[in-house]
Amino acid sequence: MWLCEQMQRQDLPVICVPSKPFLHKSEFKKFNSASSGIVLISAKMAVHFKHKQIPVMVNFDVPTKANRYRSVIGCSGVAPENGIVINLM
């Protein structure tokens, strides 16, 4: 993913998980250990992050259906934490 590569070049603590979470086990370990503070995921991957408390979520492929969109932005944080969602359109 272009955005992820650009952020990694700037030494930002980012991981990219565009598809198939089982292919990205080492990336999940980085995220779970908090050695990476930024996760770039696609809307399809958002369901795998529902149990995580993610303070900032960047949607780079916004779902076209309202129900799917609500599901994705609902992954941005779990109560009582507040989350921020940034949509890149």
PDB file of N, CA and C in Angstrom:
ATOM      1  N   MET A   1       0.849  -1.175   0.000  1.00  0.00           N
ATOM      2  CA  MET A   1       0.000   0.000   0.000  1.00  0.00           C
ATOM      3  C   MET A   1       0.892   1.235   0.000  1.00  0.00           C
ATOM      4  N   TRP A   2       0.602   2.142  -0.886  1.00  0.00           N
ATOM      5  CA  TRP A   2       1.408   3.335  -1.066  1.00  0.00           C
ATOM      6  C   TRP A   2       1.505   4.157   0.213  1.00  0.00           C
ATOM      7  N   LEU A   3       0.380   4.411   0.867  1.00  0.00           N
ATOM      8  CA  LEU A   3       0.383   5.237   2.074  1.00  0.00           C
ATOM      9  C   LEU A   3       1.254   4.617   3.158  1.00  0.00           C
ATOM     10  N   CYS A   4       1.157   3.340   3.346  1.00  0.00           N
ATOM     11  CA  CYS A   4       1.954   2.640   4.350  1.00  0.00           C
ATOM     12  C   CYS A   4       3.447   2.772   4.040  1.00  0.00           C
ATOM     13  N   GLU A   5       3.812   2.567   2.803  1.00  0.00           N
ATOM     14  CA  GLU A   5       5.220   2.678   2.411  1.00  0.00           C
ATOM     15  C   GLU A   5       5.760   4.077   2.673  1.00  0.00           C
ATOM     16  N   GLN A   6       4.965   5.087   2.362  1.00  0.00           N
ATOM     17  CA  GLN A   6       5.402   6.464   2.594  1.00  0.00           C
ATOM     18  C   GLN A   6       5.596   6.743   4.082  1.00  0.00           C
ATOM     19  N   MET A   7       4.700   6.227   4.894  1.00  0.00           N
ATOM     20  CA  MET A   7       4.799   6.441   6.342  1.00  0.00           C
ATOM     21  C   MET A   7       5.997   5.685   6.920  1.00  0.00           C
ATOM     22  N   GLN A   8       6.250   4.477   6.433  1.00  0.00           N
ATOM     23  CA  GLN A   8       7.397   3.700   6.906  1.00  0.00           C
ATOM     24  C   GLN A   8       8.712   4.363   6.523  1.00  0.00           C
ATOM     25  N   ARG A   9       8.769   4.998   5.367  1.00  0.00           N
ATOM     26  CA  ARG A   9       9.974   5.725   4.948  1.00  0.00           C
ATOM     27  C   ARG A   9      10.293   6.871   5.902  1.00  0.00           C
ATOM     28  N   GLN A  10       9.265   7.389   6.546  1.00  0.00           N
ATOM     29  CA  GLN A  10       9.457   8.477   7.512  1.00  0.00           C
ATOM     30  C   GLN A  10       9.620   7.940   8.930  1.00  0.00           C
ATOM     31  N   ASP A  11       9.848   6.636   9.037  1.00  0.00           N
ATOM     32  CA  ASP A  11      10.060   5.965  10.329  1.00  0.00           C
ATOM     33  C   ASP A  11       8.890   6.116  11.294  1.00  0.00           C
ATOM     34  N   LEU A  12       7.677   6.163  10.763  1.00  0.00           N
ATOM     35  CA  LEU A  12       6.489   6.192  11.614  1.00  0.00           C
ATOM     36  C   LEU A  12       6.135   4.756  12.006  1.00  0.00           C
ATOM     37  N   PRO A  13       5.628   4.543  13.223  1.00  0.00           N
ATOM     38  CA  PRO A  13       5.308   3.187  13.693  1.00  0.00           C
ATOM     39  C   PRO A  13       3.993   2.684  13.100  1.00  0.00           C
ATOM     40  N   VAL A  14       4.028   2.264  11.847  1.00  0.00           N
ATOM     41  CA  VAL A  14       2.811   1.889  11.130  1.00  0.00           C
ATOM     42  C   VAL A  14       2.891   0.437  10.664  1.00  0.00           C
ATOM     43  N   ILE A  15       1.747  -0.241  10.695  1.00  0.00           N
ATOM     44  CA  ILE A  15       1.625  -1.556  10.071  1.00  0.00           C
ATOM     45  C   ILE A  15       0.481  -1.496   9.071  1.00  0.00           C
ATOM     46  N   CYS A  16       0.557  -2.345   8.072  1.00  0.00           N
ATOM     47  CA  CYS A  16      -0.461  -2.384   7.021  1.00  0.00           C
ATOM     48  C   CYS A  16      -1.031  -3.790   6.935  1.00  0.00           C
ATOM     49  N   VAL A  17      -2.344  -3.875   6.992  1.00  0.00           N
ATOM     50  CA  VAL A  17      -3.026  -5.164   6.915  1.00  0.00           C
ATOM     51  C   VAL A  17      -4.178  -5.013   5.923  1.00  0.00           C
ATOM     52  N   PRO A  18      -3.880  -5.070   4.609  1.00  0.00           N
ATOM     53  CA  PRO A  18      -4.931  -4.853   3.626  1.00  0.00           C
ATOM     54  C   PRO A  18      -5.878  -6.029   3.442  1.00  0.00           C
ATOM     55  N   SER A  19      -5.414  -7.257   3.727  1.00  0.00           N
ATOM     56  CA  SER A  19      -6.278  -8.423   3.531  1.00  0.00           C
ATOM     57  C   SER A  19      -5.715  -9.626   4.266  1.00  0.00           C
ATOM     58  N   LYS A  20      -6.554 -10.624   4.442  1.00  0.00           N
ATOM     59  CA  LYS A  20      -6.188 -11.921   5.013  1.00  0.00           C
ATOM     60  C   LYS A  20      -5.300 -11.812   6.258  1.00  0.00           C
ATOM     61  N   PRO A  21      -5.921 -11.631   7.417  1.00  0.00           N
ATOM     62  CA  PRO A  21      -5.146 -11.419   8.640  1.00  0.00           C
ATOM     63  C   PRO A  21      -4.156 -12.530   8.962  1.00  0.00           C
ATOM     64  N   PHE A  22      -4.455 -13.771   8.558  1.00  0.00           N
ATOM     65  CA  PHE A  22      -3.538 -14.870   8.872  1.00  0.00           C
ATOM     66  C   PHE A  22      -2.199 -14.718   8.150  1.00  0.00           C
ATOM     67  N   LEU A  23      -2.151 -13.893   7.100  1.00  0.00           N
ATOM     68  CA  LEU A  23      -0.896 -13.646   6.399  1.00  0.00           C
ATOM     69  C   LEU A  23      -0.052 -12.589   7.100  1.00  0.00           C
ATOM     70  N   HIS A  24      -0.627 -11.917   8.073  1.00  0.00           N
ATOM     71  CA  HIS A  24       0.035 -10.778   8.703  1.00  0.00           C
ATOM     72  C   HIS A  24       0.243 -10.992  10.199  1.00  0.00           C
ATOM     73  N   LYS A  25       0.568 -12.201  10.609  1.00  0.00           N
ATOM     74  CA  LYS A  25       0.713 -12.507  12.037  1.00  0.00           C
ATOM     75  C   LYS A  25       1.770 -11.637  12.704  1.00  0.00           C
ATOM     76  N   SER A  26       2.907 -11.421  12.037  1.00  0.00           N
ATOM     77  CA  SER A  26       3.959 -10.597  12.641  1.00  0.00           C
ATOM     78  C   SER A  26       3.498  -9.152  12.794  1.00  0.00           C
ATOM     79  N   GLU A  27       2.684  -8.674  11.847  1.00  0.00           N
ATOM     80  CA  GLU A  27       2.164  -7.311  11.944  1.00  0.00           C
ATOM     81  C   GLU A  27       1.207  -7.191  13.132  1.00  0.00           C
ATOM     82  N   PHE A  28       0.356  -8.201  13.332  1.00  0.00           N
ATOM     83  CA  PHE A  28      -0.556  -8.187  14.474  1.00  0.00           C
ATOM     84  C   PHE A  28       0.220  -8.205  15.781  1.00  0.00           C
ATOM     85  N   LYS A  29       1.325  -8.964  15.826  1.00  0.00           N
ATOM     86  CA  LYS A  29       2.139  -9.000  17.044  1.00  0.00           C
ATOM     87  C   LYS A  29       2.699  -7.616  17.354  1.00  0.00           C
ATOM     88  N   LYS A  30       3.160  -6.899  16.324  1.00  0.00           N
ATOM     89  CA  LYS A  30       3.669  -5.536  16.522  1.00  0.00           C
ATOM     90  C   LYS A  30       2.577  -4.639  17.085  1.00  0.00           C
ATOM     91  N   PHE A  31       1.376  -4.769  16.531  1.00  0.00           N
ATOM     92  CA  PHE A  31       0.271  -3.931  16.998  1.00  0.00           C
ATOM     93  C   PHE A  31      -0.105  -4.280  18.431  1.00  0.00           C
ATOM     94  N   ASN A  32      -0.241  -5.563  18.725  1.00  0.00           N
ATOM     95  CA  ASN A  32      -0.636  -5.998  20.063  1.00  0.00           C
ATOM     96  C   ASN A  32       0.402  -5.659  21.119  1.00  0.00           C
ATOM     97  N   SER A  33       1.671  -5.626  20.734  1.00  0.00           N
ATOM     98  CA  SER A  33       2.723  -5.300  21.696  1.00  0.00           C
ATOM     99  C   SER A  33       2.926  -3.793  21.810  1.00  0.00           C
ATOM    100  N   ALA A  34       2.165  -3.031  21.056  1.00  0.00           N
ATOM    101  CA  ALA A  34       2.211  -1.565  21.063  1.00  0.00           C
ATOM    102  C   ALA A  34       3.513  -1.018  20.497  1.00  0.00           C
ATOM    103  N   SER A  35       4.259  -1.827  19.744  1.00  0.00           N
ATOM    104  CA  SER A  35       5.445  -1.286  19.089  1.00  0.00           C
ATOM    105  C   SER A  35       5.058  -0.534  17.817  1.00  0.00           C
ATOM    106  N   SER A  36       3.804  -0.690  17.416  1.00  0.00           N
ATOM    107  CA  SER A  36       3.279   0.064  16.288  1.00  0.00           C
ATOM    108  C   SER A  36       2.007   0.762  16.727  1.00  0.00           C
ATOM    109  N   GLY A  37       1.946   2.067  16.526  1.00  0.00           N
ATOM    110  CA  GLY A  37       0.791   2.832  16.969  1.00  0.00           C
ATOM    111  C   GLY A  37      -0.214   3.135  15.886  1.00  0.00           C
ATOM    112  N   ILE A  38       0.123   2.830  14.639  1.00  0.00           N
ATOM    113  CA  ILE A  38      -0.753   3.151  13.518  1.00  0.00           C
ATOM    114  C   ILE A  38      -1.023   1.875  12.737  1.00  0.00           C
ATOM    115  N   VAL A  39      -2.297   1.621  12.465  1.00  0.00           N
ATOM    116  CA  VAL A  39      -2.679   0.461  11.663  1.00  0.00           C
ATOM    117  C   VAL A  39      -3.462   0.959  10.457  1.00  0.00           C
ATOM    118  N   LEU A  40      -3.019   0.603   9.266  1.00  0.00           N
ATOM    119  CA  LEU A  40      -3.765   0.915   8.050  1.00  0.00           C
ATOM    120  C   LEU A  40      -4.433  -0.370   7.593  1.00  0.00           C
ATOM    121  N   ILE A  41      -5.762  -0.327   7.523  1.00  0.00           N
ATOM    122  CA  ILE A  41      -6.526  -1.505   7.131  1.00  0.00           C
ATOM    123  C   ILE A  41      -7.567  -1.113   6.095  1.00  0.00           C
ATOM    124  N   SER A  42      -8.028  -2.094   5.358  1.00  0.00           N
ATOM    125  CA  SER A  42      -9.123  -1.856   4.420  1.00  0.00           C
ATOM    126  C   SER A  42     -10.443  -2.071   5.159  1.00  0.00           C
ATOM    127  N   ALA A  43     -11.524  -1.646   4.556  1.00  0.00           N
ATOM    128  CA  ALA A  43     -12.843  -1.821   5.179  1.00  0.00           C
ATOM    129  C   ALA A  43     -13.135  -3.298   5.423  1.00  0.00           C
ATOM    130  N   LYS A  44     -12.682  -4.164   4.538  1.00  0.00           N
ATOM    131  CA  LYS A  44     -12.906  -5.603   4.711  1.00  0.00           C
ATOM    132  C   LYS A  44     -12.185  -6.139   5.938  1.00  0.00           C
ATOM    133  N   MET A  45     -11.069  -5.529   6.287  1.00  0.00           N
ATOM    134  CA  MET A  45     -10.280  -5.992   7.423  1.00  0.00           C
ATOM    135  C   MET A  45     -10.765  -5.413   8.749  1.00  0.00           C
ATOM    136  N   ALA A  46     -11.609  -4.395   8.715  1.00  0.00           N
ATOM    137  CA  ALA A  46     -12.041  -3.720   9.945  1.00  0.00           C
ATOM    138  C   ALA A  46     -12.704  -4.672  10.933  1.00  0.00           C
ATOM    139  N   VAL A  47     -13.399  -5.677  10.447  1.00  0.00           N
ATOM    140  CA  VAL A  47     -14.086  -6.611  11.346  1.00  0.00           C
ATOM    141  C   VAL A  47     -13.107  -7.362  12.233  1.00  0.00           C
ATOM    142  N   HIS A  48     -11.875  -7.524  11.792  1.00  0.00           N
ATOM    143  CA  HIS A  48     -10.868  -8.228  12.583  1.00  0.00           C
ATOM    144  C   HIS A  48     -10.316  -7.363  13.711  1.00  0.00           C
ATOM    145  N   PHE A  49     -10.652  -6.083  13.706  1.00  0.00           N
ATOM    146  CA  PHE A  49     -10.154  -5.167  14.720  1.00  0.00           C
ATOM    147  C   PHE A  49     -11.245  -4.710  15.676  1.00  0.00           C
ATOM    148  N   LYS A  50     -12.430  -5.304  15.615  1.00  0.00           N
ATOM    149  CA  LYS A  50     -13.539  -4.869  16.464  1.00  0.00           C
ATOM    150  C   LYS A  50     -13.223  -4.989  17.941  1.00  0.00           C
ATOM    151  N   HIS A  51     -12.437  -5.963  18.331  1.00  0.00           N
ATOM    152  CA  HIS A  51     -12.153  -6.182  19.741  1.00  0.00           C
ATOM    153  C   HIS A  51     -11.013  -5.300  20.243  1.00  0.00           C
ATOM    154  N   LYS A  52     -10.367  -4.561  19.370  1.00  0.00           N
ATOM    155  CA  LYS A  52      -9.245  -3.707  19.752  1.00  0.00           C
ATOM    156  C   LYS A  52      -9.746  -2.309  20.083  1.00  0.00           C
ATOM    157  N   GLN A  53      -9.039  -1.637  20.958  1.00  0.00           N
ATOM    158  CA  GLN A  53      -9.328  -0.233  21.216  1.00  0.00           C
ATOM    159  C   GLN A  53      -8.389   0.583  20.344  1.00  0.00           C
ATOM    160  N   ILE A  54      -8.934   1.119  19.277  1.00  0.00           N
ATOM    161  CA  ILE A  54      -8.135   1.875  18.323  1.00  0.00           C
ATOM    162  C   ILE A  54      -8.528   3.341  18.447  1.00  0.00           C
ATOM    163  N   PRO A  55      -7.638   4.192  18.966  1.00  0.00           N
ATOM    164  CA  PRO A  55      -7.996   5.590  19.177  1.00  0.00           C
ATOM    165  C   PRO A  55      -8.163   6.384  17.886  1.00  0.00           C
ATOM    166  N   VAL A  56      -7.425   6.034  16.840  1.00  0.00           N
ATOM    167  CA  VAL A  56      -7.536   6.746  15.569  1.00  0.00           C
ATOM    168  C   VAL A  56      -7.613   5.719  14.450  1.00  0.00           C
ATOM    169  N   MET A  57      -8.658   5.837  13.629  1.00  0.00           N
ATOM    170  CA  MET A  57      -8.807   4.956  12.477  1.00  0.00           C
ATOM    171  C   MET A  57      -8.852   5.814  11.225  1.00  0.00           C
ATOM    172  N   VAL A  58      -8.082   5.428  10.213  1.00  0.00           N
ATOM    173  CA  VAL A  58      -8.087   6.118   8.931  1.00  0.00           C
ATOM    174  C   VAL A  58      -8.729   5.189   7.913  1.00  0.00           C
ATOM    175  N   ASN A  59      -9.868   5.605   7.373  1.00  0.00           N
ATOM    176  CA  ASN A  59     -10.551   4.838   6.321  1.00  0.00           C
ATOM    177  C   ASN A  59     -10.061   5.347   4.977  1.00  0.00           C
ATOM    178  N   PHE A  60      -9.366   4.481   4.236  1.00  0.00           N
ATOM    179  CA  PHE A  60      -8.914   4.904   2.918  1.00  0.00           C
ATOM    180  C   PHE A  60      -9.749   4.292   1.807  1.00  0.00           C
ATOM    181  N   ASP A  61     -10.643   3.393   2.141  1.00  0.00           N
ATOM    182  CA  ASP A  61     -11.629   2.900   1.173  1.00  0.00           C
ATOM    183  C   ASP A  61     -12.980   2.849   1.883  1.00  0.00           C
ATOM    184  N   VAL A  62     -13.679   3.941   1.828  1.00  0.00           N
ATOM    185  CA  VAL A  62     -14.937   4.091   2.548  1.00  0.00           C
ATOM    186  C   VAL A  62     -16.008   3.206   1.920  1.00  0.00           C
ATOM    187  N   PRO A  63     -16.679   2.370   2.730  1.00  0.00           N
ATOM    188  CA  PRO A  63     -17.746   1.515   2.199  1.00  0.00           C
ATOM    189  C   PRO A  63     -18.885   2.342   1.607  1.00  0.00           C
ATOM    190  N   THR A  64     -19.523   1.812   0.589  1.00  0.00           N
ATOM    191  CA  THR A  64     -20.607   2.534  -0.073  1.00  0.00           C
ATOM    192  C   THR A  64     -21.955   2.317   0.603  1.00  0.00           C
ATOM    193  N   LYS A  65     -22.083   1.283   1.417  1.00  0.00           N
ATOM    194  CA  LYS A  65     -23.347   1.003   2.097  1.00  0.00           C
ATOM    195  C   LYS A  65     -23.297   1.530   3.527  1.00  0.00           C
ATOM    196  N   ALA A  66     -24.377   2.190   3.946  1.00  0.00           N
ATOM    197  CA  ALA A  66     -24.420   2.830   5.263  1.00  0.00           C
ATOM    198  C   ALA A  66     -24.182   1.846   6.404  1.00  0.00           C
ATOM    199  N   ASN A  67     -24.801   0.671   6.358  1.00  0.00           N
ATOM    200  CA  ASN A  67     -24.618  -0.308   7.440  1.00  0.00           C
ATOM    201  C   ASN A  67     -23.167  -0.755   7.552  1.00  0.00           C
ATOM    202  N   ARG A  68     -22.536  -0.967   6.435  1.00  0.00           N
ATOM    203  CA  ARG A  68     -21.122  -1.377   6.437  1.00  0.00           C
ATOM    204  C   ARG A  68     -20.250  -0.251   6.990  1.00  0.00           C
ATOM    205  N   TYR A  69     -20.566   0.986   6.615  1.00  0.00           N
ATOM    206  CA  TYR A  69     -19.803   2.137   7.099  1.00  0.00           C
ATOM    207  C   TYR A  69     -19.909   2.244   8.619  1.00  0.00           C
ATOM    208  N   ARG A  70     -21.113   2.091   9.155  1.00  0.00           N
ATOM    209  CA  ARG A  70     -21.295   2.157  10.613  1.00  0.00           C
ATOM    210  C   ARG A  70     -20.510   1.051  11.305  1.00  0.00           C
ATOM    211  N   SER A  71     -20.467  -0.104  10.694  1.00  0.00           N
ATOM    212  CA  SER A  71     -19.699  -1.213  11.259  1.00  0.00           C
ATOM    213  C   SER A  71     -18.213  -0.874  11.293  1.00  0.00           C
ATOM    214  N   VAL A  72     -17.720  -0.273  10.228  1.00  0.00           N
ATOM    215  CA  VAL A  72     -16.302   0.082  10.154  1.00  0.00           C
ATOM    216  C   VAL A  72     -15.954   1.164  11.166  1.00  0.00           C
ATOM    217  N   ILE A  73     -16.744   2.232  11.237  1.00  0.00           N
ATOM    218  CA  ILE A  73     -16.384   3.297  12.172  1.00  0.00           C
ATOM    219  C   ILE A  73     -16.629   2.882  13.608  1.00  0.00           C
ATOM    220  N   GLY A  74     -17.464   1.892  13.814  1.00  0.00           N
ATOM    221  CA  GLY A  74     -17.659   1.373  15.163  1.00  0.00           C
ATOM    222  C   GLY A  74     -16.418   0.691  15.699  1.00  0.00           C
ATOM    223  N   CYS A  75     -15.491   0.350  14.826  1.00  0.00           N
ATOM    224  CA  CYS A  75     -14.238  -0.300  15.235  1.00  0.00           C
ATOM    225  C   CYS A  75     -13.218   0.704  15.739  1.00  0.00           C
ATOM    226  N   SER A  76     -13.538   1.984  15.698  1.00  0.00           N
ATOM    227  CA  SER A  76     -12.540   2.994  16.055  1.00  0.00           C
ATOM    228  C   SER A  76     -12.309   3.103  17.548  1.00  0.00           C
ATOM    229  N   GLY A  77     -13.120   2.489  18.339  1.00  0.00           N
ATOM    230  CA  GLY A  77     -12.899   2.525  19.780  1.00  0.00           C
ATOM    231  C   GLY A  77     -13.998   1.782  20.502  1.00  0.00           C
ATOM    232  N   VAL A  78     -13.683   1.278  21.642  1.00  0.00           N
ATOM    233  CA  VAL A  78     -14.647   0.554  22.454  1.00  0.00           C
ATOM    234  C   VAL A  78     -14.908   1.376  23.701  1.00  0.00           C
ATOM    235  N   ALA A  79     -16.170   1.567  24.076  1.00  0.00           N
ATOM    236  CA  ALA A  79     -16.519   2.371  25.247  1.00  0.00           C
ATOM    237  C   ALA A  79     -15.737   1.887  26.462  1.00  0.00           C
ATOM    238  N   PRO A  80     -15.305   2.773  27.326  1.00  0.00           N
ATOM    239  CA  PRO A  80     -15.565   4.200  27.386  1.00  0.00           C
ATOM    240  C   PRO A  80     -14.580   5.051  26.599  1.00  0.00           C
ATOM    241  N   GLU A  81     -13.720   4.449  25.819  1.00  0.00           N
ATOM    242  CA  GLU A  81     -12.749   5.216  25.041  1.00  0.00           C
ATOM    243  C   GLU A  81     -13.435   5.953  23.895  1.00  0.00           C
ATOM    244  N   ASN A  82     -12.939   7.151  23.585  1.00  0.00           N
ATOM    245  CA  ASN A  82     -13.425   7.891  22.427  1.00  0.00           C
ATOM    246  C   ASN A  82     -12.465   7.658  21.277  1.00  0.00           C
ATOM    247  N   GLY A  83     -12.991   7.594  20.077  1.00  0.00           N
ATOM    248  CA  GLY A  83     -12.144   7.372  18.919  1.00  0.00           C
ATOM    249  C   GLY A  83     -12.316   8.473  17.894  1.00  0.00           C
ATOM    250  N   ILE A  84     -11.344   8.587  17.022  1.00  0.00           N
ATOM    251  CA  ILE A  84     -11.369   9.554  15.927  1.00  0.00           C
ATOM    252  C   ILE A  84     -11.337   8.763  14.632  1.00  0.00           C
ATOM    253  N   VAL A  85     -12.197   9.121  13.693  1.00  0.00           N
ATOM    254  CA  VAL A  85     -12.213   8.478  12.385  1.00  0.00           C
ATOM    255  C   VAL A  85     -11.907   9.532  11.337  1.00  0.00           C
ATOM    256  N   ILE A  86     -10.936   9.247  10.484  1.00  0.00           N
ATOM    257  CA  ILE A  86     -10.564  10.140   9.394  1.00  0.00           C
ATOM    258  C   ILE A  86     -10.869   9.404   8.101  1.00  0.00           C
ATOM    259  N   ASN A  87     -11.679  10.020   7.249  1.00  0.00           N
ATOM    260  CA  ASN A  87     -12.035   9.411   5.967  1.00  0.00           C
ATOM    261  C   ASN A  87     -11.273  10.092   4.842  1.00  0.00           C
ATOM    262  N   LEU A  88     -10.491   9.323   4.102  1.00  0.00           N
ATOM    263  CA  LEU A  88      -9.781   9.828   2.931  1.00  0.00           C
ATOM    264  C   LEU A  88     -10.594   9.438   1.712  1.00  0.00           C
ATOM    265  N   MET A  89     -11.160  10.424   1.061  1.00  0.00           N
ATOM    266  CA  MET A  89     -12.010  10.144  -0.094  1.00  0.00           C
ATOM    267  C   MET A  89     -11.411  10.760  -1.334  1.00  0.00           C
TER     268      MET A  89
END
